[in-house]
């Protein structure tokens, strides 16, 4: 079972040369009152920031955007996709 988790875990898929990643969260680092704890923990920017650290260690570009934490160079996830699709391959 561990081998299967390691094979498909998001952080196991990080490697030098992987495509850039962009996470955009509509919530900040504080859980909104109307959102369940489980939903917040899975979809919070805290998870994305942790993943960004793993991506940095692997040499993968990873952007994280959430309220009061803009992403340099990108307005939102759609702008990220458009710019990445228009940029020449390395």
C-alpha atoms as a PDB file:
ATOM      1  CA  UNK A   1       0.000   0.000   0.000  1.00  0.00           C
ATOM      2  CA  UNK A   2       2.843   2.421   0.804  1.00  0.00           C
ATOM      3  CA  UNK A   3       4.304   1.916  -2.675  1.00  0.00           C
ATOM      4  CA  UNK A   4       0.947   2.832  -4.213  1.00  0.00           C
ATOM      5  CA  UNK A   5       0.682   5.973  -2.074  1.00  0.00           C
ATOM      6  CA  UNK A   6       4.252   6.981  -2.952  1.00  0.00           C
ATOM      7  CA  UNK A   7       3.562   6.408  -6.640  1.00  0.00           C
ATOM      8  CA  UNK A   8       0.474   8.651  -6.783  1.00  0.00           C
ATOM      9  CA  UNK A   9       1.018  11.111  -3.944  1.00  0.00           C
ATOM     10  CA  UNK A  10       1.188  14.684  -5.310  1.00  0.00           C
ATOM     11  CA  UNK A  11       4.579  15.316  -3.727  1.00  0.00           C
ATOM     12  CA  UNK A  12       5.958  12.067  -5.196  1.00  0.00           C
ATOM     13  CA  UNK A  13       5.185  13.440  -8.662  1.00  0.00           C
ATOM     14  CA  UNK A  14       7.428  16.490  -8.172  1.00  0.00           C
ATOM     15  CA  UNK A  15      10.666  16.356 -10.137  1.00  0.00           C
ATOM     16  CA  UNK A  16      13.079  18.694 -11.880  1.00  0.00           C
ATOM     17  CA  UNK A  17      11.524  19.663 -15.211  1.00  0.00           C
ATOM     18  CA  UNK A  18       7.917  19.251 -14.057  1.00  0.00           C
ATOM     19  CA  UNK A  19       5.432  21.856 -15.251  1.00  0.00           C
ATOM     20  CA  UNK A  20       4.899  24.942 -13.088  1.00  0.00           C
ATOM     21  CA  UNK A  21       2.070  24.726 -10.572  1.00  0.00           C
ATOM     22  CA  UNK A  22      -0.367  27.363  -9.370  1.00  0.00           C
ATOM     23  CA  UNK A  23      -2.777  27.109  -6.448  1.00  0.00           C
ATOM     24  CA  UNK A  24      -5.460  29.739  -5.953  1.00  0.00           C
ATOM     25  CA  UNK A  25      -7.545  29.744  -2.785  1.00  0.00           C
ATOM     26  CA  UNK A  26     -10.557  31.932  -2.097  1.00  0.00           C
ATOM     27  CA  UNK A  27     -10.003  31.651   1.684  1.00  0.00           C
ATOM     28  CA  UNK A  28      -7.211  33.110   3.746  1.00  0.00           C
ATOM     29  CA  UNK A  29      -5.175  31.461   6.474  1.00  0.00           C
ATOM     30  CA  UNK A  30      -8.090  31.753   8.919  1.00  0.00           C
ATOM     31  CA  UNK A  31     -10.985  29.299   8.584  1.00  0.00           C
ATOM     32  CA  UNK A  32     -14.209  31.073   7.552  1.00  0.00           C
ATOM     33  CA  UNK A  33     -17.139  30.539   9.936  1.00  0.00           C
ATOM     34  CA  UNK A  34     -19.396  28.997   7.284  1.00  0.00           C
ATOM     35  CA  UNK A  35     -16.824  26.374   6.160  1.00  0.00           C
ATOM     36  CA  UNK A  36     -16.414  23.022   7.914  1.00  0.00           C
ATOM     37  CA  UNK A  37     -13.040  22.201   9.442  1.00  0.00           C
ATOM     38  CA  UNK A  38     -12.559  19.191   7.167  1.00  0.00           C
ATOM     39  CA  UNK A  39     -13.322  21.229   4.034  1.00  0.00           C
ATOM     40  CA  UNK A  40     -11.029  24.021   5.174  1.00  0.00           C
ATOM     41  CA  UNK A  41      -8.100  21.743   6.013  1.00  0.00           C
ATOM     42  CA  UNK A  42      -8.244  20.110   2.587  1.00  0.00           C
ATOM     43  CA  UNK A  43      -8.726  23.332   0.630  1.00  0.00           C
ATOM     44  CA  UNK A  44      -6.863  25.883   2.717  1.00  0.00           C
ATOM     45  CA  UNK A  45      -3.905  27.901   1.486  1.00  0.00           C
ATOM     46  CA  UNK A  46      -1.888  26.375   4.352  1.00  0.00           C
ATOM     47  CA  UNK A  47      -1.845  23.071   2.447  1.00  0.00           C
ATOM     48  CA  UNK A  48      -0.746  24.847  -0.737  1.00  0.00           C
ATOM     49  CA  UNK A  49       2.030  26.684   1.115  1.00  0.00           C
ATOM     50  CA  UNK A  50       3.292  23.368   2.492  1.00  0.00           C
ATOM     51  CA  UNK A  51       3.200  21.843  -0.959  1.00  0.00           C
ATOM     52  CA  UNK A  52       5.055  24.882  -2.317  1.00  0.00           C
ATOM     53  CA  UNK A  53       7.931  24.106   0.062  1.00  0.00           C
ATOM     54  CA  UNK A  54       8.102  20.544  -1.276  1.00  0.00           C
ATOM     55  CA  UNK A  55       8.002  21.851  -4.850  1.00  0.00           C
ATOM     56  CA  UNK A  56      10.812  24.316  -4.130  1.00  0.00           C
ATOM     57  CA  UNK A  57      12.970  21.483  -2.741  1.00  0.00           C
ATOM     58  CA  UNK A  58      12.305  19.480  -5.913  1.00  0.00           C
ATOM     59  CA  UNK A  59      13.127  22.440  -8.169  1.00  0.00           C
ATOM     60  CA  UNK A  60       9.539  22.901  -9.376  1.00  0.00           C
ATOM     61  CA  UNK A  61       8.023  26.380  -9.726  1.00  0.00           C
ATOM     62  CA  UNK A  62       4.916  26.628  -7.546  1.00  0.00           C
ATOM     63  CA  UNK A  63       2.765  29.729  -7.040  1.00  0.00           C
ATOM     64  CA  UNK A  64       0.239  30.136  -4.237  1.00  0.00           C
ATOM     65  CA  UNK A  65      -2.411  32.867  -4.315  1.00  0.00           C
ATOM     66  CA  UNK A  66      -5.019  33.645  -1.683  1.00  0.00           C
ATOM     67  CA  UNK A  67      -6.569  36.817  -0.224  1.00  0.00           C
ATOM     68  CA  UNK A  68      -3.843  39.206   0.977  1.00  0.00           C
ATOM     69  CA  UNK A  69      -1.184  36.982  -0.642  1.00  0.00           C
ATOM     70  CA  UNK A  70      -0.986  37.777  -4.374  1.00  0.00           C
ATOM     71  CA  UNK A  71       0.997  35.756  -6.878  1.00  0.00           C
ATOM     72  CA  UNK A  72       3.738  37.726  -8.588  1.00  0.00           C
ATOM     73  CA  UNK A  73       3.130  37.955 -12.309  1.00  0.00           C
ATOM     74  CA  UNK A  74      -0.348  36.402 -12.379  1.00  0.00           C
ATOM     75  CA  UNK A  75      -3.773  37.928 -11.724  1.00  0.00           C
ATOM     76  CA  UNK A  76      -5.417  34.553 -11.074  1.00  0.00           C
ATOM     77  CA  UNK A  77      -5.294  30.878 -12.040  1.00  0.00           C
ATOM     78  CA  UNK A  78      -6.676  31.595 -15.513  1.00  0.00           C
ATOM     79  CA  UNK A  79      -4.020  34.224 -16.177  1.00  0.00           C
ATOM     80  CA  UNK A  80      -1.406  31.690 -15.049  1.00  0.00           C
ATOM     81  CA  UNK A  81      -2.736  29.090 -17.501  1.00  0.00           C
ATOM     82  CA  UNK A  82      -2.864  31.540 -20.424  1.00  0.00           C
ATOM     83  CA  UNK A  83       0.647  32.834 -19.767  1.00  0.00           C
ATOM     84  CA  UNK A  84       2.079  29.354 -19.352  1.00  0.00           C
ATOM     85  CA  UNK A  85       0.436  28.126 -22.558  1.00  0.00           C
ATOM     86  CA  UNK A  86       1.795  31.128 -24.455  1.00  0.00           C
ATOM     87  CA  UNK A  87       5.348  30.836 -23.154  1.00  0.00           C
ATOM     88  CA  UNK A  88       7.832  28.866 -25.237  1.00  0.00           C
ATOM     89  CA  UNK A  89       8.826  25.419 -23.992  1.00  0.00           C
ATOM     90  CA  UNK A  90      12.197  25.313 -22.207  1.00  0.00           C
END
